[in-house]
Amino acid sequence: MDISESHDGMIAFATTNGLSLYDSGWATIQKEPWNYDTGLQDDFIQTIEFDDKNYLWLGFSAGVQKYDGISFTRVGTDEFFSTMNIHEILCDNDTIWIANGYSGLNHLSEGKWNWIRPFTEDGPGAYYISSMAKDHATGNIILTTRLHGIWEGVSDEQGIIFSYVSGPGEQYGKMTTVVDYPFGGVILFNKNIILHYSESAGFTRITDPAALGYGVTRINDVAVTEDGIFIIGTNNGLYGYGNNEIVAHINRNITGITSNEVTKVFPDSKGRWWFITKGEAGYYFSDNITEKIPVTMVNEPIPDNSNLSEPPTPIRVAVHYVSDHL
């Protein structure tokens, strides 16, 4: 149902039969009726997302949990959520956005829950929020909705104000999903088209099924790598698309994938392109992935009069080379 990556590179999968985790191997966590307080509350997980503290947030049809790697904690009750069906979570630094049921948005910021009611003066004019993404250039939050188009939330000192985005509906149809774009703006798509949207430039066409070649009739999912490659899940396998050309195509003729119906895609920090079909999960790893090198940032020296017996733990950051032509 969903895929997310922790800060230390563990890949988490929300499935209809529990939480699956992949690091050096696979592990699965399922509901235990006798462990209701600290265990997984339901095996059917609809959405997941890691926050800035590396906690995993999980959305179910009946609420939210947070996982710290050891135990699960129930987050919020009907005191905060007017409806408990959670179908999308977005973590924006220390703010958690939750789309639930037909009641718009809730967000947790500075330890306080706030409900942004639909059709209020500053809220989105929509009951059901289907997907959310952040524009990294502006900090704005972009929403797609089931029935009421695209909305953009702009924050200021007074709060956040949502306004309707005049979309490309007449030309391309309703945009069903919005996803992250590392270079500013966001990516919007439906089964027939992939578009880029930014506040300054509006909508730009990226590609469509016809441009991907014979056999592609439907776009199921889209994600973008750090190198700007579009990973596209279709009814005819997994595609890599960049610089207006197909750079990779993986289908059932390739060893390791048995179905052409790729329903979910996800690029991780190691350069793997994860894919999901109805019968399997796996990843593609290109030989052209940019080399990444771990770097340790040395903290400042400790003065002689310090009471600390040992230096603090060094900070580790991921650094990678960028090709000359980028």
C-alpha atoms as a PDB file:
ATOM      1  CA  MET A   1       0.000   0.000   0.000  1.00  0.00           C
ATOM      2  CA  ASP A   2       2.886   2.397   0.700  1.00  0.00           C
ATOM      3  CA  ILE A   3       6.696   2.568   1.030  1.00  0.00           C
ATOM      4  CA  SER A   4       8.955   4.815   3.116  1.00  0.00           C
ATOM      5  CA  GLU A   5      12.647   4.961   4.088  1.00  0.00           C
ATOM      6  CA  SER A   6      14.158   5.624   7.513  1.00  0.00           C
ATOM      7  CA  HIS A   7      17.088   7.979   8.065  1.00  0.00           C
ATOM      8  CA  ASP A   8      19.438   4.989   8.353  1.00  0.00           C
ATOM      9  CA  GLY A   9      18.264   3.350   5.137  1.00  0.00           C
ATOM     10  CA  MET A  10      15.715   0.797   6.317  1.00  0.00           C
ATOM     11  CA  ILE A  11      12.827   0.377   3.859  1.00  0.00           C
ATOM     12  CA  ALA A  12       9.336   0.015   5.345  1.00  0.00           C
ATOM     13  CA  PHE A  13       6.366  -1.419   3.465  1.00  0.00           C
ATOM     14  CA  ALA A  14       2.742  -0.879   4.459  1.00  0.00           C
ATOM     15  CA  THR A  15       0.844  -3.969   3.346  1.00  0.00           C
ATOM     16  CA  THR A  16      -2.571  -5.520   3.774  1.00  0.00           C
ATOM     17  CA  ASN A  17      -0.981  -8.142   6.012  1.00  0.00           C
ATOM     18  CA  GLY A  18       1.250  -6.223   8.392  1.00  0.00           C
ATOM     19  CA  LEU A  19       4.365  -4.031   8.382  1.00  0.00           C
ATOM     20  CA  SER A  20       7.323  -5.389   6.408  1.00  0.00           C
ATOM     21  CA  LEU A  21      10.839  -4.046   6.967  1.00  0.00           C
ATOM     22  CA  TYR A  22      13.904  -4.541   4.788  1.00  0.00           C
ATOM     23  CA  ASP A  23      17.479  -3.810   5.840  1.00  0.00           C
ATOM     24  CA  SER A  24      20.006  -6.599   5.448  1.00  0.00           C
ATOM     25  CA  GLY A  25      17.048  -8.988   5.420  1.00  0.00           C
ATOM     26  CA  TRP A  26      13.271  -9.080   5.751  1.00  0.00           C
ATOM     27  CA  ALA A  27      11.211  -8.797   8.922  1.00  0.00           C
ATOM     28  CA  THR A  28       7.435  -8.658   9.306  1.00  0.00           C
ATOM     29  CA  ILE A  29       5.387  -7.283  12.194  1.00  0.00           C
ATOM     30  CA  GLN A  30       1.744  -8.310  12.497  1.00  0.00           C
ATOM     31  CA  LYS A  31      -1.109  -7.616  14.868  1.00  0.00           C
ATOM     32  CA  GLU A  32      -1.073  -9.474  18.180  1.00  0.00           C
ATOM     33  CA  PRO A  33      -4.494  -9.351  19.903  1.00  0.00           C
ATOM     34  CA  TRP A  34      -2.872  -9.828  23.327  1.00  0.00           C
ATOM     35  CA  ASN A  35      -0.509  -6.881  22.781  1.00  0.00           C
ATOM     36  CA  TYR A  36      -2.967  -4.119  21.974  1.00  0.00           C
ATOM     37  CA  ASP A  37      -1.283  -1.324  23.932  1.00  0.00           C
ATOM     38  CA  THR A  38       2.192  -1.492  22.361  1.00  0.00           C
ATOM     39  CA  GLY A  39       1.654  -3.719  19.322  1.00  0.00           C
ATOM     40  CA  LEU A  40       0.483  -3.099  15.783  1.00  0.00           C
ATOM     41  CA  GLN A  41      -3.218  -2.275  15.927  1.00  0.00           C
ATOM     42  CA  ASP A  42      -4.199  -3.678  12.516  1.00  0.00           C
ATOM     43  CA  ASP A  43      -2.581  -5.758   9.783  1.00  0.00           C
ATOM     44  CA  PHE A  44      -4.144  -3.608   7.031  1.00  0.00           C
ATOM     45  CA  ILE A  45      -1.923  -0.511   6.853  1.00  0.00           C
ATOM     46  CA  GLN A  46      -2.997   2.189   4.419  1.00  0.00           C
ATOM     47  CA  THR A  47      -0.118   4.684   4.578  1.00  0.00           C
ATOM     48  CA  ILE A  48       3.277   5.142   6.296  1.00  0.00           C
ATOM     49  CA  GLU A  49       5.830   7.948   6.632  1.00  0.00           C
ATOM     50  CA  PHE A  50       9.027   8.526   8.642  1.00  0.00           C
ATOM     51  CA  ASP A  51       9.241  11.852  10.471  1.00  0.00           C
ATOM     52  CA  ASP A  52      12.278  14.036  11.177  1.00  0.00           C
ATOM     53  CA  LYS A  53      13.020  12.082  14.389  1.00  0.00           C
ATOM     54  CA  ASN A  54      12.996   8.769  12.491  1.00  0.00           C
ATOM     55  CA  TYR A  55       9.691   7.622  13.989  1.00  0.00           C
ATOM     56  CA  LEU A  56       7.412   5.751  11.610  1.00  0.00           C
ATOM     57  CA  TRP A  57       3.833   7.009  11.391  1.00  0.00           C
ATOM     58  CA  LEU A  58       1.208   4.490  10.289  1.00  0.00           C
ATOM     59  CA  GLY A  59      -2.318   5.211   9.099  1.00  0.00           C
ATOM     60  CA  PHE A  60      -5.180   2.726   9.360  1.00  0.00           C
ATOM     61  CA  SER A  61      -8.896   2.729   8.704  1.00  0.00           C
ATOM     62  CA  ALA A  62      -9.367   3.388  12.407  1.00  0.00           C
ATOM     63  CA  GLY A  63      -6.592   5.718  13.469  1.00  0.00           C
ATOM     64  CA  VAL A  64      -2.869   6.497  13.647  1.00  0.00           C
ATOM     65  CA  GLN A  65       0.076   4.829  15.353  1.00  0.00           C
ATOM     66  CA  LYS A  66       3.732   5.830  15.774  1.00  0.00           C
ATOM     67  CA  TYR A  67       6.553   3.243  15.828  1.00  0.00           C
ATOM     68  CA  ASP A  68       9.931   3.927  17.477  1.00  0.00           C
ATOM     69  CA  GLY A  69      11.551   0.665  16.403  1.00  0.00           C
ATOM     70  CA  ILE A  70      10.514  -1.126  19.586  1.00  0.00           C
ATOM     71  CA  SER A  71       6.847  -0.479  20.296  1.00  0.00           C
ATOM     72  CA  PHE A  72       3.797   1.145  18.744  1.00  0.00           C
ATOM     73  CA  THR A  73       1.972   4.084  20.313  1.00  0.00           C
ATOM     74  CA  ARG A  74      -1.539   5.153  19.437  1.00  0.00           C
ATOM     75  CA  VAL A  75      -1.624   8.791  18.292  1.00  0.00           C
ATOM     76  CA  GLY A  76      -4.723  10.914  18.654  1.00  0.00           C
ATOM     77  CA  THR A  77      -8.306   9.852  19.261  1.00  0.00           C
ATOM     78  CA  ASP A  78     -11.664  11.142  18.144  1.00  0.00           C
ATOM     79  CA  GLU A  79     -10.789  14.125  20.349  1.00  0.00           C
ATOM     80  CA  PHE A  80      -8.558  15.236  17.447  1.00  0.00           C
ATOM     81  CA  PHE A  81      -9.910  13.353  14.438  1.00  0.00           C
ATOM     82  CA  SER A  82     -13.555  13.736  13.512  1.00  0.00           C
ATOM     83  CA  THR A  83     -13.191  10.633  11.343  1.00  0.00           C
ATOM     84  CA  MET A  84     -10.553   7.970  11.911  1.00  0.00           C
ATOM     85  CA  ASN A  85     -10.034   6.595   8.388  1.00  0.00           C
ATOM     86  CA  ILE A  86      -6.450   7.686   7.654  1.00  0.00           C
ATOM     87  CA  HIS A  87      -5.494   7.568   3.990  1.00  0.00           C
ATOM     88  CA  GLU A  88      -2.484   9.893   3.648  1.00  0.00           C
ATOM     89  CA  ILE A  89       0.341  11.151   5.923  1.00  0.00           C
ATOM     90  CA  LEU A  90       2.923  13.810   5.054  1.00  0.00           C
ATOM     91  CA  CYS A  91       5.858  14.657   7.342  1.00  0.00           C
ATOM     92  CA  ASP A  92       7.163  18.180   6.747  1.00  0.00           C
ATOM     93  CA  ASN A  93      10.127  18.672   9.091  1.00  0.00           C
ATOM     94  CA  ASP A  94       8.510  18.731  12.545  1.00  0.00           C
ATOM     95  CA  THR A  95       4.958  19.098  11.230  1.00  0.00           C
ATOM     96  CA  ILE A  96       2.786  16.046  10.549  1.00  0.00           C
ATOM     97  CA  TRP A  97      -0.069  16.365   8.060  1.00  0.00           C
ATOM     98  CA  ILE A  98      -2.845  13.777   8.141  1.00  0.00           C
ATOM     99  CA  ALA A  99      -5.678  13.419   5.633  1.00  0.00           C
ATOM    100  CA  ASN A 100      -8.530  11.493   7.179  1.00  0.00           C
ATOM    101  CA  GLY A 101     -11.905  10.460   5.850  1.00  0.00           C
ATOM    102  CA  TYR A 102     -14.046  13.201   4.385  1.00  0.00           C
ATOM    103  CA  SER A 103     -13.055  15.736   7.034  1.00  0.00           C
ATOM    104  CA  GLY A 104     -10.149  17.515   5.363  1.00  0.00           C
ATOM    105  CA  LEU A 105      -6.812  17.819   7.153  1.00  0.00           C
ATOM    106  CA  ASN A 106      -5.323  17.588  10.617  1.00  0.00           C
ATOM    107  CA  HIS A 107      -1.778  18.661  11.385  1.00  0.00           C
ATOM    108  CA  LEU A 108       0.483  18.320  14.417  1.00  0.00           C
ATOM    109  CA  SER A 109       2.858  21.240  14.916  1.00  0.00           C
ATOM    110  CA  GLU A 110       4.813  22.177  18.051  1.00  0.00           C
ATOM    111  CA  GLY A 111       2.959  19.501  19.983  1.00  0.00           C
ATOM    112  CA  LYS A 112      -0.482  20.863  19.135  1.00  0.00           C
ATOM    113  CA  TRP A 113      -3.132  19.301  16.920  1.00  0.00           C
ATOM    114  CA  ASN A 114      -5.092  21.544  14.564  1.00  0.00           C
ATOM    115  CA  TRP A 115      -8.023  20.681  12.343  1.00  0.00           C
ATOM    116  CA  ILE A 116      -8.287  22.518   9.026  1.00  0.00           C
ATOM    117  CA  ARG A 117     -11.944  22.213   8.212  1.00  0.00           C
ATOM    118  CA  PRO A 118     -13.073  21.841   4.601  1.00  0.00           C
ATOM    119  CA  PHE A 119     -14.709  24.811   2.896  1.00  0.00           C
ATOM    120  CA  THR A 120     -13.715  27.316   5.555  1.00  0.00           C
ATOM    121  CA  GLU A 121     -12.267  30.685   4.558  1.00  0.00           C
ATOM    122  CA  ASP A 122      -8.635  29.562   4.684  1.00  0.00           C
ATOM    123  CA  GLY A 123      -9.049  25.798   4.287  1.00  0.00           C
ATOM    124  CA  PRO A 124      -9.167  23.682   1.138  1.00  0.00           C
ATOM    125  CA  GLY A 125     -12.512  23.519  -0.586  1.00  0.00           C
ATOM    126  CA  ALA A 126     -12.618  19.737  -0.439  1.00  0.00           C
ATOM    127  CA  TYR A 127     -13.706  17.029   1.960  1.00  0.00           C
ATOM    128  CA  TYR A 128     -11.537  14.125   0.773  1.00  0.00           C
ATOM    129  CA  ILE A 129      -7.773  14.788   0.358  1.00  0.00           C
ATOM    130  CA  SER A 130      -6.322  11.996  -1.785  1.00  0.00           C
ATOM    131  CA  SER A 131      -2.595  12.886  -1.741  1.00  0.00           C
ATOM    132  CA  MET A 132      -0.145  15.520  -0.455  1.00  0.00           C
ATOM    133  CA  ALA A 133       3.369  16.711  -1.334  1.00  0.00           C
ATOM    134  CA  LYS A 134       5.646  19.615  -0.429  1.00  0.00           C
ATOM    135  CA  ASP A 135       7.090  22.045  -2.943  1.00  0.00           C
ATOM    136  CA  HIS A 136      10.729  22.251  -1.827  1.00  0.00           C
ATOM    137  CA  ALA A 137      11.248  25.574  -3.600  1.00  0.00           C
ATOM    138  CA  THR A 138       8.473  27.450  -1.813  1.00  0.00           C
ATOM    139  CA  GLY A 139       7.613  25.296   1.201  1.00  0.00           C
ATOM    140  CA  ASN A 140       3.986  25.180   0.043  1.00  0.00           C
ATOM    141  CA  ILE A 141       1.829  22.074   0.498  1.00  0.00           C
ATOM    142  CA  ILE A 142       0.048  20.801  -2.624  1.00  0.00           C
ATOM    143  CA  LEU A 143      -3.077  18.664  -2.314  1.00  0.00           C
ATOM    144  CA  THR A 144      -5.064  16.563  -4.738  1.00  0.00           C
ATOM    145  CA  THR A 145      -8.657  15.788  -3.852  1.00  0.00           C
ATOM    146  CA  ARG A 146     -11.181  13.180  -4.859  1.00  0.00           C
ATOM    147  CA  LEU A 147     -13.748  15.612  -6.251  1.00  0.00           C
ATOM    148  CA  HIS A 148     -12.551  19.207  -5.906  1.00  0.00           C
ATOM    149  CA  GLY A 149      -9.322  19.641  -7.848  1.00  0.00           C
ATOM    150  CA  ILE A 150      -5.870  20.789  -6.724  1.00  0.00           C
ATOM    151  CA  TRP A 151      -5.183  23.052  -3.739  1.00  0.00           C
ATOM    152  CA  GLU A 152      -2.053  24.859  -2.562  1.00  0.00           C
ATOM    153  CA  GLY A 153      -1.324  25.792   1.040  1.00  0.00           C
ATOM    154  CA  VAL A 154       0.896  28.821   1.757  1.00  0.00           C
ATOM    155  CA  SER A 155       2.179  29.377   5.306  1.00  0.00           C
ATOM    156  CA  ASP A 156       2.897  32.690   6.997  1.00  0.00           C
ATOM    157  CA  GLU A 157       3.105  33.988  10.547  1.00  0.00           C
ATOM    158  CA  GLN A 158      -0.668  33.812  10.863  1.00  0.00           C
ATOM    159  CA  GLY A 159      -0.958  30.185   9.785  1.00  0.00           C
ATOM    160  CA  ILE A 160      -1.635  28.480   6.476  1.00  0.00           C
ATOM    161  CA  ILE A 161      -4.033  29.581   3.739  1.00  0.00           C
ATOM    162  CA  PHE A 162      -5.185  27.210   0.988  1.00  0.00           C
ATOM    163  CA  SER A 163      -6.202  28.393  -2.454  1.00  0.00           C
ATOM    164  CA  TYR A 164      -7.501  26.596  -5.513  1.00  0.00           C
ATOM    165  CA  VAL A 165      -5.042  25.851  -8.317  1.00  0.00           C
ATOM    166  CA  SER A 166      -6.604  26.291 -11.734  1.00  0.00           C
ATOM    167  CA  GLY A 167      -5.624  22.929 -13.112  1.00  0.00           C
ATOM    168  CA  PRO A 168      -5.207  21.360 -16.517  1.00  0.00           C
ATOM    169  CA  GLY A 169      -8.399  19.372 -16.147  1.00  0.00           C
ATOM    170  CA  GLU A 170      -9.957  20.339 -19.455  1.00  0.00           C
ATOM    171  CA  GLN A 171      -6.894  19.191 -21.392  1.00  0.00           C
ATOM    172  CA  TYR A 172      -5.553  16.292 -19.322  1.00  0.00           C
ATOM    173  CA  GLY A 173      -8.352  15.249 -16.986  1.00  0.00           C
ATOM    174  CA  LYS A 174      -8.440  15.234 -13.190  1.00  0.00           C
ATOM    175  CA  MET A 175      -5.060  14.878 -11.499  1.00  0.00           C
ATOM    176  CA  THR A 176      -5.405  12.031  -9.007  1.00  0.00           C
ATOM    177  CA  THR A 177      -2.000  12.052  -7.283  1.00  0.00           C
ATOM    178  CA  VAL A 178       0.739  14.513  -6.319  1.00  0.00           C
ATOM    179  CA  VAL A 179       4.280  13.363  -5.408  1.00  0.00           C
ATOM    180  CA  ASP A 180       7.566  14.926  -4.378  1.00  0.00           C
ATOM    181  CA  TYR A 181       9.950  16.531  -6.867  1.00  0.00           C
ATOM    182  CA  PRO A 182      13.456  17.128  -5.420  1.00  0.00           C
ATOM    183  CA  PHE A 183      14.210  20.200  -7.547  1.00  0.00           C
ATOM    184  CA  GLY A 184      11.214  22.388  -6.688  1.00  0.00           C
ATOM    185  CA  GLY A 185       7.586  22.227  -7.629  1.00  0.00           C
ATOM    186  CA  VAL A 186       5.722  18.923  -7.530  1.00  0.00           C
ATOM    187  CA  ILE A 187       4.738  16.111  -9.890  1.00  0.00           C
ATOM    188  CA  LEU A 188       1.059  15.500 -10.609  1.00  0.00           C
ATOM    189  CA  PHE A 189      -0.241  12.534 -12.550  1.00  0.00           C
ATOM    190  CA  ASN A 190      -3.199  10.412 -13.495  1.00  0.00           C
ATOM    191  CA  LYS A 191      -3.354   7.254 -15.573  1.00  0.00           C
ATOM    192  CA  ASN A 192      -2.933   9.263 -18.807  1.00  0.00           C
ATOM    193  CA  ILE A 193      -0.338  11.985 -18.131  1.00  0.00           C
ATOM    194  CA  ILE A 194       2.539  13.147 -15.918  1.00  0.00           C
ATOM    195  CA  LEU A 195       2.893  16.895 -15.267  1.00  0.00           C
ATOM    196  CA  HIS A 196       5.225  19.182 -13.341  1.00  0.00           C
ATOM    197  CA  TYR A 197       3.651  22.058 -11.420  1.00  0.00           C
ATOM    198  CA  SER A 198       5.338  25.083  -9.865  1.00  0.00           C
ATOM    199  CA  GLU A 199       3.888  28.310  -8.568  1.00  0.00           C
ATOM    200  CA  SER A 200       6.004  30.373 -10.974  1.00  0.00           C
ATOM    201  CA  ALA A 201       5.747  28.320 -14.175  1.00  0.00           C
ATOM    202  CA  GLY A 202       2.402  26.574 -13.820  1.00  0.00           C
ATOM    203  CA  PHE A 203       1.973  23.188 -15.503  1.00  0.00           C
ATOM    204  CA  THR A 204       4.500  21.502 -17.784  1.00  0.00           C
ATOM    205  CA  ARG A 205       3.942  18.187 -19.523  1.00  0.00           C
ATOM    206  CA  ILE A 206       6.529  15.483 -18.710  1.00  0.00           C
ATOM    207  CA  THR A 207       5.321  12.374 -20.570  1.00  0.00           C
ATOM    208  CA  ASP A 208       2.378  10.076 -21.235  1.00  0.00           C
ATOM    209  CA  PRO A 209       1.762   6.372 -21.985  1.00  0.00           C
ATOM    210  CA  ALA A 210       2.159   6.860 -25.744  1.00  0.00           C
ATOM    211  CA  ALA A 211       5.677   8.264 -25.279  1.00  0.00           C
ATOM    212  CA  LEU A 212       6.638   5.168 -23.275  1.00  0.00           C
ATOM    213  CA  GLY A 213       6.003   2.934 -26.239  1.00  0.00           C
ATOM    214  CA  TYR A 214       3.855   0.068 -27.383  1.00  0.00           C
ATOM    215  CA  GLY A 215       1.881  -1.753 -24.703  1.00  0.00           C
ATOM    216  CA  VAL A 216       1.619   1.069 -22.166  1.00  0.00           C
ATOM    217  CA  THR A 217      -1.979   2.109 -21.604  1.00  0.00           C
ATOM    218  CA  ARG A 218      -1.947   3.118 -17.955  1.00  0.00           C
ATOM    219  CA  ILE A 219       0.310   4.979 -15.502  1.00  0.00           C
ATOM    220  CA  ASN A 220      -0.032   3.500 -12.006  1.00  0.00           C
ATOM    221  CA  ASP A 221       2.617   5.324  -9.983  1.00  0.00           C
ATOM    222  CA  VAL A 222       5.440   7.859 -10.354  1.00  0.00           C
ATOM    223  CA  ALA A 223       8.478   8.837  -8.283  1.00  0.00           C
ATOM    224  CA  VAL A 224      11.594  10.906  -9.036  1.00  0.00           C
ATOM    225  CA  THR A 225      15.177  10.033  -8.075  1.00  0.00           C
ATOM    226  CA  GLU A 226      17.839  12.417  -6.751  1.00  0.00           C
ATOM    227  CA  ASP A 227      19.317  12.403 -10.265  1.00  0.00           C
ATOM    228  CA  GLY A 228      16.049  13.533 -11.854  1.00  0.00           C
ATOM    229  CA  ILE A 229      15.019  10.182 -13.366  1.00  0.00           C
ATOM    230  CA  PHE A 230      11.299   9.526 -13.386  1.00  0.00           C
ATOM    231  CA  ILE A 231      10.484   6.005 -12.183  1.00  0.00           C
ATOM    232  CA  ILE A 232       7.129   5.062 -13.641  1.00  0.00           C
ATOM    233  CA  GLY A 233       5.031   2.026 -12.765  1.00  0.00           C
ATOM    234  CA  THR A 234       2.725   0.997 -15.626  1.00  0.00           C
ATOM    235  CA  ASN A 235       0.639  -1.896 -16.881  1.00  0.00           C
ATOM    236  CA  ASN A 236       3.673  -2.849 -18.999  1.00  0.00           C
ATOM    237  CA  GLY A 237       6.358  -2.926 -16.321  1.00  0.00           C
ATOM    238  CA  LEU A 238       8.718  -0.415 -14.746  1.00  0.00           C
ATOM    239  CA  TYR A 239      10.189   2.486 -16.729  1.00  0.00           C
ATOM    240  CA  GLY A 240      13.018   4.906 -16.095  1.00  0.00           C
ATOM    241  CA  TYR A 241      12.497   8.169 -18.000  1.00  0.00           C
ATOM    242  CA  GLY A 242      14.873  11.125 -18.198  1.00  0.00           C
ATOM    243  CA  ASN A 243      15.871  13.862 -20.652  1.00  0.00           C
ATOM    244  CA  ASN A 244      12.843  13.006 -22.800  1.00  0.00           C
ATOM    245  CA  GLU A 245      13.915   9.413 -23.363  1.00  0.00           C
ATOM    246  CA  ILE A 246      13.478   5.961 -21.856  1.00  0.00           C
ATOM    247  CA  VAL A 247      16.602   4.986 -19.932  1.00  0.00           C
ATOM    248  CA  ALA A 248      15.354   1.663 -18.560  1.00  0.00           C
ATOM    249  CA  HIS A 249      12.451  -0.725 -19.028  1.00  0.00           C
ATOM    250  CA  ILE A 250      11.923  -3.748 -16.780  1.00  0.00           C
ATOM    251  CA  ASN A 251       9.075  -6.144 -17.467  1.00  0.00           C
ATOM    252  CA  ARG A 252       8.279  -9.832 -17.047  1.00  0.00           C
ATOM    253  CA  ASN A 253      10.750 -10.750 -19.771  1.00  0.00           C
ATOM    254  CA  ILE A 254      13.473  -9.713 -17.301  1.00  0.00           C
ATOM    255  CA  THR A 255      14.510 -12.296 -14.708  1.00  0.00           C
ATOM    256  CA  GLY A 256      13.034 -11.508 -11.303  1.00  0.00           C
ATOM    257  CA  ILE A 257       9.724  -9.874 -12.197  1.00  0.00           C
ATOM    258  CA  THR A 258       6.708 -12.036 -12.984  1.00  0.00           C
ATOM    259  CA  SER A 259       3.999  -9.427 -13.605  1.00  0.00           C
ATOM    260  CA  ASN A 260       3.902  -6.377 -15.841  1.00  0.00           C
ATOM    261  CA  GLU A 261       1.376  -4.603 -13.587  1.00  0.00           C
ATOM    262  CA  VAL A 262       3.638  -2.423 -11.429  1.00  0.00           C
ATOM    263  CA  THR A 263       1.407  -0.708  -8.887  1.00  0.00           C
ATOM    264  CA  LYS A 264       3.926   1.117  -6.680  1.00  0.00           C
ATOM    265  CA  VAL A 265       7.449   2.511  -7.143  1.00  0.00           C
ATOM    266  CA  PHE A 266       9.951   4.041  -4.725  1.00  0.00           C
ATOM    267  CA  PRO A 267      13.576   5.234  -5.133  1.00  0.00           C
ATOM    268  CA  ASP A 268      15.722   4.855  -2.013  1.00  0.00           C
ATOM    269  CA  SER A 269      18.890   6.633  -0.888  1.00  0.00           C
ATOM    270  CA  LYS A 270      21.095   3.800  -2.147  1.00  0.00           C
ATOM    271  CA  GLY A 271      19.849   4.256  -5.714  1.00  0.00           C
ATOM    272  CA  ARG A 272      17.557   1.216  -5.772  1.00  0.00           C
ATOM    273  CA  TRP A 273      14.267   1.478  -7.648  1.00  0.00           C
ATOM    274  CA  TRP A 274      11.770  -0.502  -5.605  1.00  0.00           C
ATOM    275  CA  PHE A 275       8.685  -1.848  -7.342  1.00  0.00           C
ATOM    276  CA  ILE A 276       5.533  -3.621  -6.214  1.00  0.00           C
ATOM    277  CA  THR A 277       3.277  -5.911  -8.212  1.00  0.00           C
ATOM    278  CA  LYS A 278       0.318  -7.877  -6.906  1.00  0.00           C
ATOM    279  CA  GLY A 279       2.567 -10.859  -6.342  1.00  0.00           C
ATOM    280  CA  GLU A 280       5.999  -9.529  -5.425  1.00  0.00           C
ATOM    281  CA  ALA A 281       8.265  -6.772  -4.159  1.00  0.00           C
ATOM    282  CA  GLY A 282      11.737  -6.142  -5.518  1.00  0.00           C
ATOM    283  CA  TYR A 283      14.168  -3.527  -6.735  1.00  0.00           C
ATOM    284  CA  TYR A 284      16.193  -2.602  -9.782  1.00  0.00           C
ATOM    285  CA  PHE A 285      19.729  -1.282  -9.314  1.00  0.00           C
ATOM    286  CA  SER A 286      21.355   0.465 -12.246  1.00  0.00           C
ATOM    287  CA  ASP A 287      25.068   0.166 -13.013  1.00  0.00           C
ATOM    288  CA  ASN A 288      25.109   3.941 -13.552  1.00  0.00           C
ATOM    289  CA  ILE A 289      24.162   4.947 -10.012  1.00  0.00           C
ATOM    290  CA  THR A 290      26.284   7.852  -8.720  1.00  0.00           C
ATOM    291  CA  GLU A 291      28.787   6.701  -6.106  1.00  0.00           C
ATOM    292  CA  LYS A 292      28.000   7.804  -2.555  1.00  0.00           C
ATOM    293  CA  ILE A 293      30.604   8.111   0.163  1.00  0.00           C
ATOM    294  CA  PRO A 294      29.912   8.174   3.917  1.00  0.00           C
ATOM    295  CA  VAL A 295      31.528  11.178   5.596  1.00  0.00           C
ATOM    296  CA  THR A 296      32.058  11.800   9.286  1.00  0.00           C
ATOM    297  CA  MET A 297      31.820  15.428  10.413  1.00  0.00           C
ATOM    298  CA  VAL A 298      34.211  15.873  13.336  1.00  0.00           C
ATOM    299  CA  ASN A 299      32.737  17.838  16.212  1.00  0.00           C
ATOM    300  CA  GLU A 300      34.631  20.701  17.826  1.00  0.00           C
ATOM    301  CA  PRO A 301      37.398  19.689  20.287  1.00  0.00           C
ATOM    302  CA  ILE A 302      36.407  19.369  23.916  1.00  0.00           C
ATOM    303  CA  PRO A 303      38.118  21.897  26.210  1.00  0.00           C
ATOM    304  CA  ASP A 304      40.483  20.551  28.869  1.00  0.00           C
ATOM    305  CA  ASN A 305      38.157  21.719  31.630  1.00  0.00           C
ATOM    306  CA  SER A 306      35.178  19.858  30.193  1.00  0.00           C
ATOM    307  CA  ASN A 307      33.362  17.376  32.440  1.00  0.00           C
ATOM    308  CA  LEU A 308      32.743  15.063  29.499  1.00  0.00           C
ATOM    309  CA  SER A 309      34.786  11.881  29.686  1.00  0.00           C
ATOM    310  CA  GLU A 310      34.204  11.006  26.034  1.00  0.00           C
ATOM    311  CA  PRO A 311      33.611  13.080  22.908  1.00  0.00           C
ATOM    312  CA  PRO A 312      30.044  13.224  21.607  1.00  0.00           C
ATOM    313  CA  THR A 313      28.997  10.847  18.864  1.00  0.00           C
ATOM    314  CA  PRO A 314      30.185  12.149  15.472  1.00  0.00           C
ATOM    315  CA  ILE A 315      27.561  13.303  13.004  1.00  0.00           C
ATOM    316  CA  ARG A 316      27.354  11.167   9.844  1.00  0.00           C
ATOM    317  CA  VAL A 317      25.975  12.566   6.623  1.00  0.00           C
ATOM    318  CA  ALA A 318      25.577  11.097   3.152  1.00  0.00           C
ATOM    319  CA  VAL A 319      27.618  12.869   0.498  1.00  0.00           C
ATOM    320  CA  HIS A 320      27.657  11.958  -3.181  1.00  0.00           C
ATOM    321  CA  TYR A 321      29.411  13.132  -6.311  1.00  0.00           C
ATOM    322  CA  VAL A 322      27.417  15.022  -8.887  1.00  0.00           C
ATOM    323  CA  SER A 323      28.172  14.518 -12.561  1.00  0.00           C
ATOM    324  CA  ASP A 324      29.789  17.411 -14.380  1.00  0.00           C
ATOM    325  CA  HIS A 325      26.880  17.837 -16.792  1.00  0.00           C
ATOM    326  CA  LEU A 326      24.306  18.415 -14.035  1.00  0.00           C
END
